[in-house]
Amino acid sequence: KGPRYIAVNFRDNANSPLIKVRKVPCYIIVYFRNNTISPFIKVRKAPRYIAVYFRDNTISPFFKIRKVPCYVAVN
């Protein structure tokens, strides 16, 4: 089976139509500009950093968001 991806459009918080979402992560951690961390919530704002925990409890690298719209695909 192929790899699992999730894509986030940080302009309207919608999934990217270019990439199919085959596996939804269990948790999403968002670091906002004031360096505070939100609980396990859905992405509702445009964060500077995003980390995705998949079902195997691994964490993806942090991606710096410098401009919008921004599409990030996480394996």
PDB file of N, CA and C in Angstrom:
ATOM      1  N   LYS A   1       0.834  -1.193   0.000  1.00  0.00           N
ATOM      2  CA  LYS A   1       0.000   0.000   0.000  1.00  0.00           C
ATOM      3  C   LYS A   1       0.871   1.247   0.000  1.00  0.00           C
ATOM      4  N   GLY A   2       0.333   2.309  -0.545  1.00  0.00           N
ATOM      5  CA  GLY A   2       1.099   3.538  -0.660  1.00  0.00           C
ATOM      6  C   GLY A   2       1.233   4.274   0.657  1.00  0.00           C
ATOM      7  N   PRO A   3       2.019   5.331   0.675  1.00  0.00           N
ATOM      8  CA  PRO A   3       2.186   6.127   1.892  1.00  0.00           C
ATOM      9  C   PRO A   3       0.920   6.891   2.232  1.00  0.00           C
ATOM     10  N   ARG A   4       0.860   7.368   3.454  1.00  0.00           N
ATOM     11  CA  ARG A   4      -0.314   8.088   3.924  1.00  0.00           C
ATOM     12  C   ARG A   4       0.006   9.570   4.008  1.00  0.00           C
ATOM     13  N   TYR A   5      -0.899  10.392   3.509  1.00  0.00           N
ATOM     14  CA  TYR A   5      -0.655  11.822   3.489  1.00  0.00           C
ATOM     15  C   TYR A   5      -1.857  12.575   4.030  1.00  0.00           C
ATOM     16  N   ILE A   6      -1.581  13.778   4.516  1.00  0.00           N
ATOM     17  CA  ILE A   6      -2.646  14.733   4.802  1.00  0.00           C
ATOM     18  C   ILE A   6      -2.144  16.096   4.364  1.00  0.00           C
ATOM     19  N   ALA A   7      -2.991  16.828   3.680  1.00  0.00           N
ATOM     20  CA  ALA A   7      -2.602  18.140   3.178  1.00  0.00           C
ATOM     21  C   ALA A   7      -3.504  19.197   3.784  1.00  0.00           C
ATOM     22  N   VAL A   8      -2.916  20.327   4.148  1.00  0.00           N
ATOM     23  CA  VAL A   8      -3.681  21.397   4.773  1.00  0.00           C
ATOM     24  C   VAL A   8      -3.469  22.685   4.005  1.00  0.00           C
ATOM     25  N   ASN A   9      -4.568  23.323   3.650  1.00  0.00           N
ATOM     26  CA  ASN A   9      -4.500  24.647   3.037  1.00  0.00           C
ATOM     27  C   ASN A   9      -4.653  25.656   4.152  1.00  0.00           C
ATOM     28  N   PHE A  10      -3.581  26.400   4.423  1.00  0.00           N
ATOM     29  CA  PHE A  10      -3.596  27.284   5.579  1.00  0.00           C
ATOM     30  C   PHE A  10      -4.362  28.575   5.336  1.00  0.00           C
ATOM     31  N   ARG A  11      -4.895  28.747   4.143  1.00  0.00           N
ATOM     32  CA  ARG A  11      -5.700  29.949   3.909  1.00  0.00           C
ATOM     33  C   ARG A  11      -7.115  29.747   4.430  1.00  0.00           C
ATOM     34  N   ASP A  12      -7.720  28.633   4.108  1.00  0.00           N
ATOM     35  CA  ASP A  12      -9.100  28.395   4.544  1.00  0.00           C
ATOM     36  C   ASP A  12      -9.217  27.115   5.364  1.00  0.00           C
ATOM     37  N   ASN A  13      -8.049  26.536   5.755  1.00  0.00           N
ATOM     38  CA  ASN A  13      -8.033  25.334   6.589  1.00  0.00           C
ATOM     39  C   ASN A  13      -8.735  24.152   5.927  1.00  0.00           C
ATOM     40  N   ALA A  14      -8.733  24.156   4.608  1.00  0.00           N
ATOM     41  CA  ALA A  14      -9.356  23.057   3.887  1.00  0.00           C
ATOM     42  C   ALA A  14      -8.281  22.111   3.364  1.00  0.00           C
ATOM     43  N   ASN A  15      -8.668  20.894   3.111  1.00  0.00           N
ATOM     44  CA  ASN A  15      -7.726  19.937   2.555  1.00  0.00           C
ATOM     45  C   ASN A  15      -7.382  20.320   1.122  1.00  0.00           C
ATOM     46  N   SER A  16      -6.145  20.065   0.750  1.00  0.00           N
ATOM     47  CA  SER A  16      -5.724  20.362  -0.601  1.00  0.00           C
ATOM     48  C   SER A  16      -6.400  19.403  -1.577  1.00  0.00           C
ATOM     49  N   PRO A  17      -6.987  19.919  -2.645  1.00  0.00           N
ATOM     50  CA  PRO A  17      -7.620  19.036  -3.625  1.00  0.00           C
ATOM     51  C   PRO A  17      -6.596  18.262  -4.443  1.00  0.00           C
ATOM     52  N   LEU A  18      -5.314  18.643  -4.344  1.00  0.00           N
ATOM     53  CA  LEU A  18      -4.296  17.996  -5.147  1.00  0.00           C
ATOM     54  C   LEU A  18      -3.826  16.683  -4.544  1.00  0.00           C
ATOM     55  N   ILE A  19      -4.078  16.496  -3.261  1.00  0.00           N
ATOM     56  CA  ILE A  19      -3.599  15.304  -2.578  1.00  0.00           C
ATOM     57  C   ILE A  19      -4.754  14.639  -1.855  1.00  0.00           C
ATOM     58  N   LYS A  20      -4.888  13.350  -2.062  1.00  0.00           N
ATOM     59  CA  LYS A  20      -5.942  12.618  -1.382  1.00  0.00           C
ATOM     60  C   LYS A  20      -5.539  12.349   0.065  1.00  0.00           C
ATOM     61  N   VAL A  21      -6.498  12.530   0.957  1.00  0.00           N
ATOM     62  CA  VAL A  21      -6.241  12.234   2.359  1.00  0.00           C
ATOM     63  C   VAL A  21      -6.590  10.772   2.607  1.00  0.00           C
ATOM     64  N   ARG A  22      -5.551   9.958   2.764  1.00  0.00           N
ATOM     65  CA  ARG A  22      -5.761   8.527   2.913  1.00  0.00           C
ATOM     66  C   ARG A  22      -5.790   8.100   4.378  1.00  0.00           C
ATOM     67  N   LYS A  23      -5.250   8.947   5.236  1.00  0.00           N
ATOM     68  CA  LYS A  23      -5.186   8.588   6.649  1.00  0.00           C
ATOM     69  C   LYS A  23      -5.198   9.858   7.480  1.00  0.00           C
ATOM     70  N   VAL A  24      -6.194   9.983   8.320  1.00  0.00           N
ATOM     71  CA  VAL A  24      -6.304  11.177   9.145  1.00  0.00           C
ATOM     72  C   VAL A  24      -5.542  10.949  10.438  1.00  0.00           C
ATOM     73  N   PRO A  25      -4.687  11.909  10.833  1.00  0.00           N
ATOM     74  CA  PRO A  25      -3.927  11.738  12.065  1.00  0.00           C
ATOM     75  C   PRO A  25      -4.831  11.803  13.289  1.00  0.00           C
ATOM     76  N   CYS A  26      -4.359  11.164  14.345  1.00  0.00           N
ATOM     77  CA  CYS A  26      -5.150  11.168  15.569  1.00  0.00           C
ATOM     78  C   CYS A  26      -5.068  12.513  16.277  1.00  0.00           C
ATOM     79  N   TYR A  27      -3.898  13.137  16.204  1.00  0.00           N
ATOM     80  CA  TYR A  27      -3.697  14.380  16.931  1.00  0.00           C
ATOM     81  C   TYR A  27      -3.007  15.388  16.036  1.00  0.00           C
ATOM     82  N   ILE A  28      -3.322  16.659  16.255  1.00  0.00           N
ATOM     83  CA  ILE A  28      -2.628  17.752  15.571  1.00  0.00           C
ATOM     84  C   ILE A  28      -2.246  18.779  16.622  1.00  0.00           C
ATOM     85  N   ILE A  29      -0.959  19.105  16.697  1.00  0.00           N
ATOM     86  CA  ILE A  29      -0.491  20.101  17.645  1.00  0.00           C
ATOM     87  C   ILE A  29      -0.128  21.363  16.881  1.00  0.00           C
ATOM     88  N   VAL A  30      -0.631  22.489  17.358  1.00  0.00           N
ATOM     89  CA  VAL A  30      -0.400  23.750  16.668  1.00  0.00           C
ATOM     90  C   VAL A  30       0.337  24.707  17.592  1.00  0.00           C
ATOM     91  N   TYR A  31       1.440  25.229  17.099  1.00  0.00           N
ATOM     92  CA  TYR A  31       2.166  26.255  17.826  1.00  0.00           C
ATOM     93  C   TYR A  31       1.817  27.608  17.220  1.00  0.00           C
ATOM     94  N   PHE A  32       1.209  28.482  18.020  1.00  0.00           N
ATOM     95  CA  PHE A  32       0.819  29.776  17.498  1.00  0.00           C
ATOM     96  C   PHE A  32       1.950  30.782  17.667  1.00  0.00           C
ATOM     97  N   ARG A  33       1.745  31.982  17.167  1.00  0.00           N
ATOM     98  CA  ARG A  33       2.825  32.961  17.112  1.00  0.00           C
ATOM     99  C   ARG A  33       3.299  33.403  18.493  1.00  0.00           C
ATOM    100  N   ASN A  34       2.458  33.230  19.505  1.00  0.00           N
ATOM    101  CA  ASN A  34       2.887  33.625  20.847  1.00  0.00           C
ATOM    102  C   ASN A  34       3.598  32.485  21.562  1.00  0.00           C
ATOM    103  N   ASN A  35       4.026  31.494  20.782  1.00  0.00           N
ATOM    104  CA  ASN A  35       4.820  30.389  21.312  1.00  0.00           C
ATOM    105  C   ASN A  35       4.075  29.539  22.327  1.00  0.00           C
ATOM    106  N   THR A  36       2.756  29.585  22.297  1.00  0.00           N
ATOM    107  CA  THR A  36       1.983  28.700  23.150  1.00  0.00           C
ATOM    108  C   THR A  36       1.524  27.503  22.324  1.00  0.00           C
ATOM    109  N   ILE A  37       1.262  26.419  23.003  1.00  0.00           N
ATOM    110  CA  ILE A  37       0.840  25.205  22.318  1.00  0.00           C
ATOM    111  C   ILE A  37      -0.614  24.922  22.647  1.00  0.00           C
ATOM    112  N   SER A  38      -1.350  24.592  21.632  1.00  0.00           N
ATOM    113  CA  SER A  38      -2.755  24.276  21.825  1.00  0.00           C
ATOM    114  C   SER A  38      -2.900  22.801  22.169  1.00  0.00           C
ATOM    115  N   PRO A  39      -3.986  22.424  22.819  1.00  0.00           N
ATOM    116  CA  PRO A  39      -4.258  21.004  23.024  1.00  0.00           C
ATOM    117  C   PRO A  39      -4.492  20.310  21.682  1.00  0.00           C
ATOM    118  N   PHE A  40      -4.830  19.041  21.744  1.00  0.00           N
ATOM    119  CA  PHE A  40      -5.047  18.288  20.510  1.00  0.00           C
ATOM    120  C   PHE A  40      -6.344  18.755  19.866  1.00  0.00           C
ATOM    121  N   ILE A  41      -6.214  19.683  18.929  1.00  0.00           N
ATOM    122  CA  ILE A  41      -7.377  20.270  18.282  1.00  0.00           C
ATOM    123  C   ILE A  41      -7.162  20.274  16.784  1.00  0.00           C
ATOM    124  N   LYS A  42      -8.212  20.596  16.068  1.00  0.00           N
ATOM    125  CA  LYS A  42      -8.100  20.741  14.629  1.00  0.00           C
ATOM    126  C   LYS A  42      -7.474  22.091  14.299  1.00  0.00           C
ATOM    127  N   VAL A  43      -6.867  22.172  13.115  1.00  0.00           N
ATOM    128  CA  VAL A  43      -6.245  23.421  12.700  1.00  0.00           C
ATOM    129  C   VAL A  43      -7.334  24.411  12.323  1.00  0.00           C
ATOM    130  N   ARG A  44      -7.467  25.449  13.108  1.00  0.00           N
ATOM    131  CA  ARG A  44      -8.481  26.459  12.842  1.00  0.00           C
ATOM    132  C   ARG A  44      -7.872  27.817  12.530  1.00  0.00           C
ATOM    133  N   LYS A  45      -6.579  27.968  12.786  1.00  0.00           N
ATOM    134  CA  LYS A  45      -5.882  29.212  12.508  1.00  0.00           C
ATOM    135  C   LYS A  45      -4.634  28.889  11.705  1.00  0.00           C
ATOM    136  N   ALA A  46      -4.017  29.913  11.156  1.00  0.00           N
ATOM    137  CA  ALA A  46      -2.803  29.704  10.377  1.00  0.00           C
ATOM    138  C   ALA A  46      -1.605  29.695  11.318  1.00  0.00           C
ATOM    139  N   PRO A  47      -1.099  28.524  11.654  1.00  0.00           N
ATOM    140  CA  PRO A  47       0.013  28.445  12.597  1.00  0.00           C
ATOM    141  C   PRO A  47       1.354  28.646  11.910  1.00  0.00           C
ATOM    142  N   ARG A  48       2.357  28.943  12.697  1.00  0.00           N
ATOM    143  CA  ARG A  48       3.704  29.019  12.158  1.00  0.00           C
ATOM    144  C   ARG A  48       4.343  27.635  12.115  1.00  0.00           C
ATOM    145  N   TYR A  49       3.953  26.797  13.040  1.00  0.00           N
ATOM    146  CA  TYR A  49       4.504  25.449  13.080  1.00  0.00           C
ATOM    147  C   TYR A  49       3.368  24.455  13.237  1.00  0.00           C
ATOM    148  N   ILE A  50       3.548  23.311  12.645  1.00  0.00           N
ATOM    149  CA  ILE A  50       2.526  22.270  12.770  1.00  0.00           C
ATOM    150  C   ILE A  50       3.215  20.917  12.890  1.00  0.00           C
ATOM    151  N   ALA A  51       2.712  20.107  13.785  1.00  0.00           N
ATOM    152  CA  ALA A  51       3.225  18.750  13.943  1.00  0.00           C
ATOM    153  C   ALA A  51       2.050  17.795  13.921  1.00  0.00           C
ATOM    154  N   VAL A  52       2.219  16.702  13.222  1.00  0.00           N
ATOM    155  CA  VAL A  52       1.127  15.752  13.079  1.00  0.00           C
ATOM    156  C   VAL A  52       1.535  14.416  13.695  1.00  0.00           C
ATOM    157  N   TYR A  53       0.707  13.942  14.598  1.00  0.00           N
ATOM    158  CA  TYR A  53       0.914  12.613  15.168  1.00  0.00           C
ATOM    159  C   TYR A  53       0.021  11.626  14.427  1.00  0.00           C
ATOM    160  N   PHE A  54       0.630  10.598  13.825  1.00  0.00           N
ATOM    161  CA  PHE A  54      -0.153   9.584  13.160  1.00  0.00           C
ATOM    162  C   PHE A  54      -0.483   8.463  14.142  1.00  0.00           C
ATOM    163  N   ARG A  55      -1.214   7.492  13.676  1.00  0.00           N
ATOM    164  CA  ARG A  55      -1.698   6.443  14.566  1.00  0.00           C
ATOM    165  C   ARG A  55      -0.571   5.590  15.147  1.00  0.00           C
ATOM    166  N   ASP A  56       0.587   5.613  14.490  1.00  0.00           N
ATOM    167  CA  ASP A  56       1.705   4.841  15.034  1.00  0.00           C
ATOM    168  C   ASP A  56       2.517   5.664  16.027  1.00  0.00           C
ATOM    169  N   ASN A  57       1.969   6.829  16.429  1.00  0.00           N
ATOM    170  CA  ASN A  57       2.573   7.661  17.457  1.00  0.00           C
ATOM    171  C   ASN A  57       3.927   8.225  17.060  1.00  0.00           C
ATOM    172  N   THR A  58       4.124   8.440  15.767  1.00  0.00           N
ATOM    173  CA  THR A  58       5.337   9.121  15.324  1.00  0.00           C
ATOM    174  C   THR A  58       5.005  10.578  15.048  1.00  0.00           C
ATOM    175  N   ILE A  59       6.018  11.414  15.135  1.00  0.00           N
ATOM    176  CA  ILE A  59       5.802  12.844  14.931  1.00  0.00           C
ATOM    177  C   ILE A  59       6.526  13.289  13.672  1.00  0.00           C
ATOM    178  N   SER A  60       5.870  14.136  12.914  1.00  0.00           N
ATOM    179  CA  SER A  60       6.483  14.640  11.696  1.00  0.00           C
ATOM    180  C   SER A  60       7.398  15.808  12.056  1.00  0.00           C
ATOM    181  N   PRO A  61       8.326  16.156  11.175  1.00  0.00           N
ATOM    182  CA  PRO A  61       9.153  17.337  11.429  1.00  0.00           C
ATOM    183  C   PRO A  61       8.296  18.599  11.448  1.00  0.00           C
ATOM    184  N   PHE A  62       8.850  19.643  12.056  1.00  0.00           N
ATOM    185  CA  PHE A  62       8.126  20.903  12.102  1.00  0.00           C
ATOM    186  C   PHE A  62       8.360  21.662  10.805  1.00  0.00           C
ATOM    187  N   PHE A  63       7.290  22.223  10.269  1.00  0.00           N
ATOM    188  CA  PHE A  63       7.377  22.985   9.041  1.00  0.00           C
ATOM    189  C   PHE A  63       7.108  24.449   9.352  1.00  0.00           C
ATOM    190  N   LYS A  64       8.029  25.313   8.943  1.00  0.00           N
ATOM    191  CA  LYS A  64       7.811  26.735   9.160  1.00  0.00           C
ATOM    192  C   LYS A  64       6.886  27.270   8.071  1.00  0.00           C
ATOM    193  N   ILE A  65       5.853  27.973   8.484  1.00  0.00           N
ATOM    194  CA  ILE A  65       4.907  28.548   7.537  1.00  0.00           C
ATOM    195  C   ILE A  65       5.248  30.019   7.368  1.00  0.00           C
ATOM    196  N   ARG A  66       5.688  30.404   6.188  1.00  0.00           N
ATOM    197  CA  ARG A  66       6.152  31.769   5.981  1.00  0.00           C
ATOM    198  C   ARG A  66       5.210  32.589   5.103  1.00  0.00           C
ATOM    199  N   LYS A  67       4.310  31.938   4.413  1.00  0.00           N
ATOM    200  CA  LYS A  67       3.409  32.685   3.554  1.00  0.00           C
ATOM    201  C   LYS A  67       2.148  31.880   3.319  1.00  0.00           C
ATOM    202  N   VAL A  68       1.087  32.565   2.890  1.00  0.00           N
ATOM    203  CA  VAL A  68      -0.166  31.899   2.573  1.00  0.00           C
ATOM    204  C   VAL A  68      -0.581  32.309   1.167  1.00  0.00           C
ATOM    205  N   PRO A  69      -1.264  31.457   0.431  1.00  0.00           N
ATOM    206  CA  PRO A  69      -1.672  30.131   0.858  1.00  0.00           C
ATOM    207  C   PRO A  69      -0.481  29.184   0.919  1.00  0.00           C
ATOM    208  N   CYS A  70      -0.540  28.222   1.805  1.00  0.00           N
ATOM    209  CA  CYS A  70       0.565  27.289   1.961  1.00  0.00           C
ATOM    210  C   CYS A  70       0.032  25.875   2.038  1.00  0.00           C
ATOM    211  N   TYR A  71       0.542  25.026   1.203  1.00  0.00           N
ATOM    212  CA  TYR A  71       0.137  23.629   1.207  1.00  0.00           C
ATOM    213  C   TYR A  71       1.273  22.792   1.781  1.00  0.00           C
ATOM    214  N   VAL A  72       0.969  22.002   2.778  1.00  0.00           N
ATOM    215  CA  VAL A  72       1.981  21.153   3.383  1.00  0.00           C
ATOM    216  C   VAL A  72       1.510  19.707   3.335  1.00  0.00           C
ATOM    217  N   ALA A  73       2.319  18.862   2.755  1.00  0.00           N
ATOM    218  CA  ALA A  73       2.007  17.439   2.726  1.00  0.00           C
ATOM    219  C   ALA A  73       2.916  16.726   3.707  1.00  0.00           C
ATOM    220  N   VAL A  74       2.333  15.941   4.576  1.00  0.00           N
ATOM    221  CA  VAL A  74       3.093  15.240   5.597  1.00  0.00           C
ATOM    222  C   VAL A  74       2.967  13.747   5.370  1.00  0.00           C
ATOM    223  N   ASN A  75       4.095  13.083   5.257  1.00  0.00           N
ATOM    224  CA  ASN A  75       4.073  11.643   5.052  1.00  0.00           C
ATOM    225  C   ASN A  75       3.923  10.964   6.412  1.00  0.00           C
TER     226      ASN A  75
END
